């Protein structure tokens, strides 16, 4: 045994097995992302040996070491898992007469990489701090030897911005303020990552989020994204009761869940049962949020009192998944006779 606690050979080995006369030496910067290189050390032998390598991760005093899986070459690139540890290299010399291992002294304690992104200006948030409005985070400004990738987390905070919690599922550059945010402020955390490490920076908090205005207002359909949804909130028919099989004008008003009229929502209606009326073509809502469809009853429609013509009505946002998007459905009816 040597003073550092590592076996330098075995008395049971043959006399001609390699014998270490000077330990391997590790060179390189003890910093995540940097490459360490070990020498072979010095050996005495009669038959030239071959060499194999292992790298060990140890505590700060160089003891309590564990072999690093997959690290079996003469060089080793320090990983984030090595930060705070020391590293040793173990060289094994083997010839036909036997094998012997020798282990280097430990490196300095491995530090975090200097090549990870460094934030030089925090991210900022633009947009109105109001329920239903969309906020957008910038990445901020970063110093990095390679172009980093960015990920986002939105936080709901108290009015001073000091006590914050992550908002579940809010991981995009944009965030639509929710009813749960009213009275709170919001922050965005941007994490930059490159091949050498990661770093995060947090925006200043927004103003306290206000409730959505009760005044109707209008929004384009393209801005209605989950968790906001479309709502068919008003319906009218002309005539109000079917006494003939002439054309029927059906009008449907579409709003979002914040009560604002939606412009450009696509509305479709079909009569039930199908044989009683011809389906109407899909129509977009106008600037007032109303869509007008012309429905033509068939000869199968009974006109006597006591019957109703039922409509299945759907409103959707163009380009969104009809089932998983912000679309809505409703059944309405008009009297006959």
Protein backbone atom coordinates (compact mmCIF):
# COMPACT_ATOMS: atom_id res chain seq x y z
CA UNK A 1 0.00 0.00 0.00
CA UNK A 2 1.15 3.57 -0.62
CA UNK A 3 0.59 6.63 1.48
CA UNK A 4 -2.47 7.61 -0.54
CA UNK A 5 -4.19 4.30 0.22
CA UNK A 6 -4.08 2.78 -3.29
CA UNK A 7 -2.48 -0.60 -4.03
CA UNK A 8 0.58 -0.40 -6.20
CA UNK A 9 0.84 -4.13 -6.84
CA UNK A 10 0.46 -7.50 -5.23
CA UNK A 11 3.07 -9.75 -3.62
CA UNK A 12 1.24 -12.68 -5.20
CA UNK A 13 2.10 -11.46 -8.67
CA UNK A 14 4.89 -13.02 -10.69
CA UNK A 15 8.31 -11.43 -10.34
CA UNK A 16 8.20 -10.25 -13.94
CA UNK A 17 4.80 -8.50 -13.79
CA UNK A 18 5.09 -4.73 -14.45
CA UNK A 19 6.14 -2.73 -11.40
CA UNK A 20 5.23 0.93 -10.99
CA UNK A 21 8.14 3.21 -10.10
CA UNK A 22 6.42 6.61 -10.55
CA UNK A 23 2.68 7.31 -10.29
CA UNK A 24 0.64 8.57 -13.24
CA UNK A 25 0.15 12.33 -13.34
CA UNK A 26 -3.08 14.05 -14.38
CA UNK A 27 -2.92 17.35 -16.24
CA UNK A 28 -5.65 19.74 -17.32
CA UNK A 29 -7.99 22.25 -15.70
CA UNK A 30 -10.28 20.86 -12.98
CA UNK A 31 -13.37 22.50 -14.39
CA UNK A 32 -16.56 21.07 -15.88
CA UNK A 33 -16.23 20.78 -19.65
CA UNK A 34 -12.44 20.67 -19.61
CA UNK A 35 -10.34 17.64 -20.64
CA UNK A 36 -8.01 15.85 -18.22
CA UNK A 37 -5.12 13.73 -19.49
CA UNK A 38 -3.13 11.16 -17.56
CA UNK A 39 0.42 10.03 -18.15
CA UNK A 40 1.24 6.33 -18.00
CA UNK A 41 3.52 6.78 -15.02
CA UNK A 42 6.87 4.97 -14.98
CA UNK A 43 7.11 1.19 -14.97
CA UNK A 44 9.81 -1.48 -14.78
CA UNK A 45 9.30 -4.76 -16.62
CA UNK A 46 11.04 -7.43 -18.70
CA UNK A 47 8.24 -7.68 -21.28
CA UNK A 48 6.66 -4.44 -22.48
CA UNK A 49 3.09 -4.16 -21.09
CA UNK A 50 -0.12 -2.81 -22.53
CA UNK A 51 -1.99 -0.13 -20.62
CA UNK A 52 -5.65 0.42 -19.73
CA UNK A 53 -7.26 3.33 -17.94
CA UNK A 54 -9.96 4.04 -15.38
CA UNK A 55 -11.08 7.36 -13.95
CA UNK A 56 -12.26 7.73 -10.36
CA UNK A 57 -14.58 10.33 -8.81
CA UNK A 58 -13.54 11.03 -5.20
CA UNK A 59 -14.52 13.31 -2.36
CA UNK A 60 -12.71 16.60 -1.80
CA UNK A 61 -9.91 14.89 0.18
CA UNK A 62 -9.34 12.33 -2.58
CA UNK A 63 -10.83 9.35 -0.72
CA UNK A 64 -14.16 7.50 -1.03
CA UNK A 65 -13.59 7.03 -4.75
CA UNK A 66 -15.90 5.37 -7.28
CA UNK A 67 -15.12 4.31 -10.82
CA UNK A 68 -16.73 6.57 -13.46
CA UNK A 69 -18.71 4.38 -15.84
CA UNK A 70 -17.50 4.47 -19.43
CA UNK A 71 -14.37 6.53 -18.66
CA UNK A 72 -11.70 4.17 -20.01
CA UNK A 73 -9.41 6.25 -22.21
CA UNK A 74 -6.28 8.25 -21.44
CA UNK A 75 -8.35 11.45 -21.47
CA UNK A 76 -11.54 12.37 -19.63
CA UNK A 77 -13.90 15.31 -20.15
CA UNK A 78 -15.20 16.55 -16.81
CA UNK A 79 -18.98 16.32 -16.41
CA UNK A 80 -21.42 18.34 -14.34
CA UNK A 81 -21.62 15.34 -11.97
CA UNK A 82 -17.92 15.91 -11.16
CA UNK A 83 -18.48 19.42 -9.82
CA UNK A 84 -17.34 19.58 -6.16
CA UNK A 85 -15.40 16.31 -6.40
CA UNK A 86 -11.76 15.46 -7.10
CA UNK A 87 -10.63 13.09 -9.86
CA UNK A 88 -7.96 10.40 -9.98
CA UNK A 89 -6.69 8.37 -12.94
CA UNK A 90 -5.87 4.70 -12.52
CA UNK A 91 -3.44 3.09 -15.02
CA UNK A 92 -3.18 -0.67 -15.29
CA UNK A 93 -0.06 -2.19 -16.93
CA UNK A 94 -0.36 -5.79 -18.11
CA UNK A 95 1.99 -8.25 -19.80
CA UNK A 96 2.13 -12.03 -20.04
CA UNK A 97 3.46 -12.23 -16.50
CA UNK A 98 0.64 -10.30 -14.79
CA UNK A 99 -0.87 -6.87 -14.26
CA UNK A 100 -0.39 -4.04 -11.79
CA UNK A 101 -2.38 -0.82 -11.23
CA UNK A 102 -1.18 2.59 -10.12
CA UNK A 103 -3.36 5.56 -9.23
CA UNK A 104 -2.56 9.24 -9.59
CA UNK A 105 -2.91 11.83 -6.88
CA UNK A 106 -6.27 13.63 -6.85
CA UNK A 107 -6.92 16.76 -8.84
CA UNK A 108 -8.09 20.00 -7.33
CA UNK A 109 -11.81 20.18 -6.54
CA UNK A 110 -13.67 20.38 -9.85
CA UNK A 111 -15.36 23.72 -10.39
CA UNK A 112 -18.41 24.64 -12.45
CA UNK A 113 -17.69 25.44 -16.06
CA UNK A 114 -16.71 28.93 -17.08
CA UNK A 115 -18.21 28.27 -20.50
CA UNK A 116 -21.83 27.97 -19.41
CA UNK A 117 -24.10 30.84 -20.55
CA UNK A 118 -23.84 34.02 -18.48
CA UNK A 119 -26.79 36.41 -18.30
CA UNK A 120 -25.87 40.03 -18.99
CA UNK A 121 -29.41 41.49 -19.15
CA UNK A 122 -32.48 39.83 -17.59
CA UNK A 123 -35.53 38.82 -19.62
CA UNK A 124 -38.40 41.28 -19.93
CA UNK A 125 -42.17 40.80 -20.22
CA UNK A 126 -44.42 42.70 -22.62
CA UNK A 127 -48.21 42.73 -22.80
CA UNK A 128 -51.12 43.84 -20.65
CA UNK A 129 -51.31 42.36 -17.15
CA UNK A 130 -55.01 41.53 -17.45
CA UNK A 131 -56.89 38.26 -17.31
CA UNK A 132 -57.25 36.89 -20.83
CA UNK A 133 -54.38 38.94 -22.26
CA UNK A 134 -51.20 37.40 -23.68
CA UNK A 135 -47.84 38.20 -22.10
CA UNK A 136 -44.58 37.58 -23.96
CA UNK A 137 -41.12 37.01 -22.45
CA UNK A 138 -37.85 37.90 -24.17
CA UNK A 139 -34.80 35.70 -23.63
CA UNK A 140 -32.78 38.53 -22.15
CA UNK A 141 -29.14 38.91 -23.20
CA UNK A 142 -26.57 36.17 -22.69
CA UNK A 143 -22.84 35.68 -23.12
CA UNK A 144 -22.01 32.19 -24.40
CA UNK A 145 -19.22 30.69 -26.53
CA UNK A 146 -21.88 28.74 -28.45
CA UNK A 147 -25.48 29.65 -29.21
CA UNK A 148 -27.63 28.44 -26.29
CA UNK A 149 -31.12 27.00 -26.31
CA UNK A 150 -33.77 28.57 -24.10
CA UNK A 151 -36.58 27.22 -21.95
CA UNK A 152 -39.20 29.14 -20.00
CA UNK A 153 -41.05 28.94 -16.70
CA UNK A 154 -43.75 31.42 -15.62
CA UNK A 155 -44.19 32.30 -11.96
CA UNK A 156 -47.20 33.64 -10.04
CA UNK A 157 -45.96 36.01 -7.32
CA UNK A 158 -47.26 38.28 -4.61
CA UNK A 159 -47.55 42.02 -5.22
CA UNK A 160 -43.90 42.64 -4.36
CA UNK A 161 -42.72 39.80 -6.60
CA UNK A 162 -40.87 38.18 -3.70
CA UNK A 163 -42.94 35.06 -3.03
CA UNK A 164 -43.48 33.06 -6.23
CA UNK A 165 -44.72 29.64 -7.33
CA UNK A 166 -44.38 27.91 -10.70
CA UNK A 167 -47.49 27.98 -12.90
CA UNK A 168 -48.14 24.40 -14.02
CA UNK A 169 -47.81 23.94 -17.77
CA UNK A 170 -46.64 27.51 -18.43
CA UNK A 171 -43.42 26.74 -20.33
CA UNK A 172 -43.70 28.76 -23.55
CA UNK A 173 -42.47 32.22 -24.49
CA UNK A 174 -46.05 33.45 -24.16
CA UNK A 175 -48.56 33.12 -21.35
CA UNK A 176 -52.26 34.01 -21.24
CA UNK A 177 -53.11 35.50 -17.85
CA UNK A 178 -55.70 33.39 -16.00
CA UNK A 179 -58.44 34.25 -13.54
CA UNK A 180 -56.22 32.68 -10.84
CA UNK A 181 -53.60 35.36 -11.58
CA UNK A 182 -55.88 38.30 -10.70
CA UNK A 183 -54.28 40.35 -7.92
CA UNK A 184 -50.89 38.65 -8.35
CA UNK A 185 -47.82 39.68 -10.33
CA UNK A 186 -46.06 37.48 -12.86
CA UNK A 187 -42.42 36.73 -13.59
CA UNK A 188 -40.72 34.73 -16.34
CA UNK A 189 -37.64 32.56 -15.71
CA UNK A 190 -35.47 31.91 -18.78
CA UNK A 191 -32.95 29.08 -18.67
CA UNK A 192 -30.11 29.13 -21.21
CA UNK A 193 -28.22 25.92 -21.97
CA UNK A 194 -25.20 25.07 -24.09
CA UNK A 195 -22.96 22.02 -24.19
CA UNK A 196 -21.00 23.24 -21.15
CA UNK A 197 -23.77 24.07 -18.70
CA UNK A 198 -26.97 25.97 -17.91
CA UNK A 199 -27.90 29.21 -16.19
CA UNK A 200 -31.19 30.92 -15.38
CA UNK A 201 -32.33 34.53 -15.17
CA UNK A 202 -35.62 35.96 -13.89
CA UNK A 203 -37.55 38.96 -15.19
CA UNK A 204 -38.88 41.76 -13.07
CA UNK A 205 -42.48 41.24 -12.00
CA UNK A 206 -45.39 42.63 -13.97
CA UNK A 207 -47.96 44.98 -12.54
CA UNK A 208 -50.67 43.24 -10.53
CA UNK A 209 -52.93 41.33 -12.89
CA UNK A 210 -56.41 42.88 -13.20
CA UNK A 211 -59.66 41.09 -13.94
CA UNK A 212 -60.87 41.17 -17.53
CA UNK A 213 -63.09 44.05 -18.48
CA UNK A 214 -66.79 43.29 -18.30
CA UNK A 215 -67.29 45.39 -21.41
CA UNK A 216 -67.68 43.16 -24.41
CA UNK A 217 -64.93 44.26 -26.78
CA UNK A 218 -63.78 42.07 -29.65
CA UNK A 219 -60.84 39.73 -30.24
CA UNK A 220 -59.69 37.85 -33.34
CA UNK A 221 -60.36 34.12 -33.32
CA UNK A 222 -56.63 33.43 -33.69
CA UNK A 223 -56.04 34.87 -30.18
CA UNK A 224 -58.45 32.43 -28.55
CA UNK A 225 -56.11 29.65 -27.44
CA UNK A 226 -56.39 27.25 -24.53
CA UNK A 227 -57.26 27.68 -21.75
CA UNK A 228 -59.56 30.29 -23.33
CA UNK A 229 -62.46 28.75 -25.24
CA UNK A 230 -65.18 29.78 -27.65
CA UNK A 231 -68.77 30.07 -26.43
CA UNK A 232 -71.96 30.18 -28.56
CA UNK A 233 -73.77 32.54 -26.20
CA UNK A 234 -76.64 33.91 -28.30
CA UNK A 235 -78.93 32.43 -30.96
CA UNK A 236 -81.73 33.84 -33.14
CA UNK A 237 -83.89 32.47 -35.96
CA UNK A 238 -85.83 34.22 -38.70
CA UNK A 239 -88.63 33.26 -38.81
CA UNK A 240 -88.89 32.38 -35.12
CA UNK A 241 -91.33 29.53 -35.87
CA UNK A 242 -91.33 27.39 -39.02
CA UNK A 243 -94.72 27.37 -40.73
CA UNK A 244 -93.32 26.59 -44.19
CA UNK A 245 -90.32 24.88 -45.70
CA UNK A 246 -88.79 28.11 -46.94
CA UNK A 247 -85.22 29.18 -46.14
CA UNK A 248 -84.45 29.76 -42.48
CA UNK A 249 -81.87 32.32 -41.33
CA UNK A 250 -80.03 31.08 -38.26
CA UNK A 251 -77.76 33.54 -36.43
CA UNK A 252 -75.19 32.53 -33.84
CA UNK A 253 -73.07 34.85 -31.69
CA UNK A 254 -69.62 33.61 -30.61
CA UNK A 255 -67.73 35.00 -27.62
CA UNK A 256 -64.71 33.81 -25.69
CA UNK A 257 -64.76 32.74 -22.06
CA UNK A 258 -63.85 36.33 -21.11
CA UNK A 259 -67.09 37.60 -22.68
CA UNK A 260 -65.51 39.28 -25.73
CA UNK A 261 -67.04 38.93 -29.18
CA UNK A 262 -64.88 36.78 -31.44
CA UNK A 263 -64.18 37.88 -35.01
CA UNK A 264 -63.42 35.19 -37.59
CA UNK A 265 -64.61 32.12 -35.68
CA UNK A 266 -65.91 29.44 -38.06
CA UNK A 267 -69.49 28.39 -37.35
CA UNK A 268 -71.16 25.25 -38.72
CA UNK A 269 -74.73 23.98 -38.18
CA UNK A 270 -76.60 20.86 -39.22
CA UNK A 271 -80.23 19.93 -38.58
CA UNK A 272 -81.24 16.87 -36.56
CA UNK A 273 -82.50 14.49 -37.72
CA UNK A 274 -80.37 14.91 -40.83
CA UNK A 275 -83.25 14.31 -43.21
CA UNK A 276 -85.22 17.35 -42.03
CA UNK A 277 -82.83 20.08 -43.25
CA UNK A 278 -79.85 20.49 -45.52
CA UNK A 279 -76.57 21.29 -43.77
CA UNK A 280 -75.40 24.90 -43.96
CA UNK A 281 -71.93 25.85 -45.16
CA UNK A 282 -69.41 26.96 -42.50
CA UNK A 283 -69.46 30.74 -42.04
CA UNK A 284 -67.03 33.07 -40.25
CA UNK A 285 -68.26 35.48 -37.58
CA UNK A 286 -68.17 39.16 -38.49
CA UNK A 287 -66.88 42.17 -36.59
CA UNK A 288 -69.84 41.92 -34.21
CA UNK A 289 -69.20 38.25 -33.44
CA UNK A 290 -72.33 37.06 -35.32
CA UNK A 291 -72.44 34.45 -38.07
CA UNK A 292 -75.54 34.09 -40.27
CA UNK A 293 -76.29 30.74 -41.87
CA UNK A 294 -79.03 29.89 -44.36
CA UNK A 295 -80.72 26.58 -43.67
CA UNK A 296 -83.11 24.93 -46.15
CA UNK A 297 -85.69 22.52 -44.66
CA UNK A 298 -86.52 19.40 -46.70
CA UNK A 299 -89.91 17.93 -47.50
CA UNK A 300 -89.35 15.50 -44.63
CA UNK A 301 -89.72 18.27 -42.04
CA UNK A 302 -93.14 18.02 -40.30
CA UNK A 303 -94.77 21.43 -39.98
CA UNK A 304 -97.50 20.61 -37.47
CA UNK A 305 -97.23 21.90 -33.93
CA UNK A 306 -95.42 19.81 -31.36
CA UNK A 307 -92.27 19.32 -33.41
CA UNK A 308 -88.93 21.10 -33.29
CA UNK A 309 -86.03 21.29 -35.70
CA UNK A 310 -82.88 20.74 -33.64
CA UNK A 311 -79.48 22.08 -34.75
CA UNK A 312 -76.05 20.85 -33.79
CA UNK A 313 -73.88 24.01 -33.88
CA UNK A 314 -70.09 24.11 -33.72
CA UNK A 315 -67.71 27.09 -33.52
CA UNK A 316 -63.97 26.62 -34.04
CA UNK A 317 -60.71 28.48 -34.61
CA UNK A 318 -59.20 27.85 -38.03
CA UNK A 319 -56.00 25.78 -37.82
CA UNK A 320 -56.70 24.40 -34.34
CA UNK A 321 -57.53 20.78 -33.61
CA UNK A 322 -61.33 20.59 -33.67
CA UNK A 323 -61.46 18.31 -30.62
CA UNK A 324 -58.47 19.47 -28.59
CA UNK A 325 -58.53 23.18 -29.44
CA UNK A 326 -60.77 26.02 -28.24
CA UNK A 327 -63.81 24.87 -30.24
CA UNK A 328 -67.28 24.61 -28.72
CA UNK A 329 -70.55 22.84 -29.52
CA UNK A 330 -74.18 23.47 -28.72
CA UNK A 331 -77.65 22.08 -29.46
CA UNK A 332 -80.39 24.63 -30.23
CA UNK A 333 -83.90 24.30 -31.66
CA UNK A 334 -86.62 26.16 -33.53
CA UNK A 335 -90.35 25.41 -33.22
CA UNK A 336 -92.49 24.27 -36.13
CA UNK A 337 -96.19 24.76 -36.87
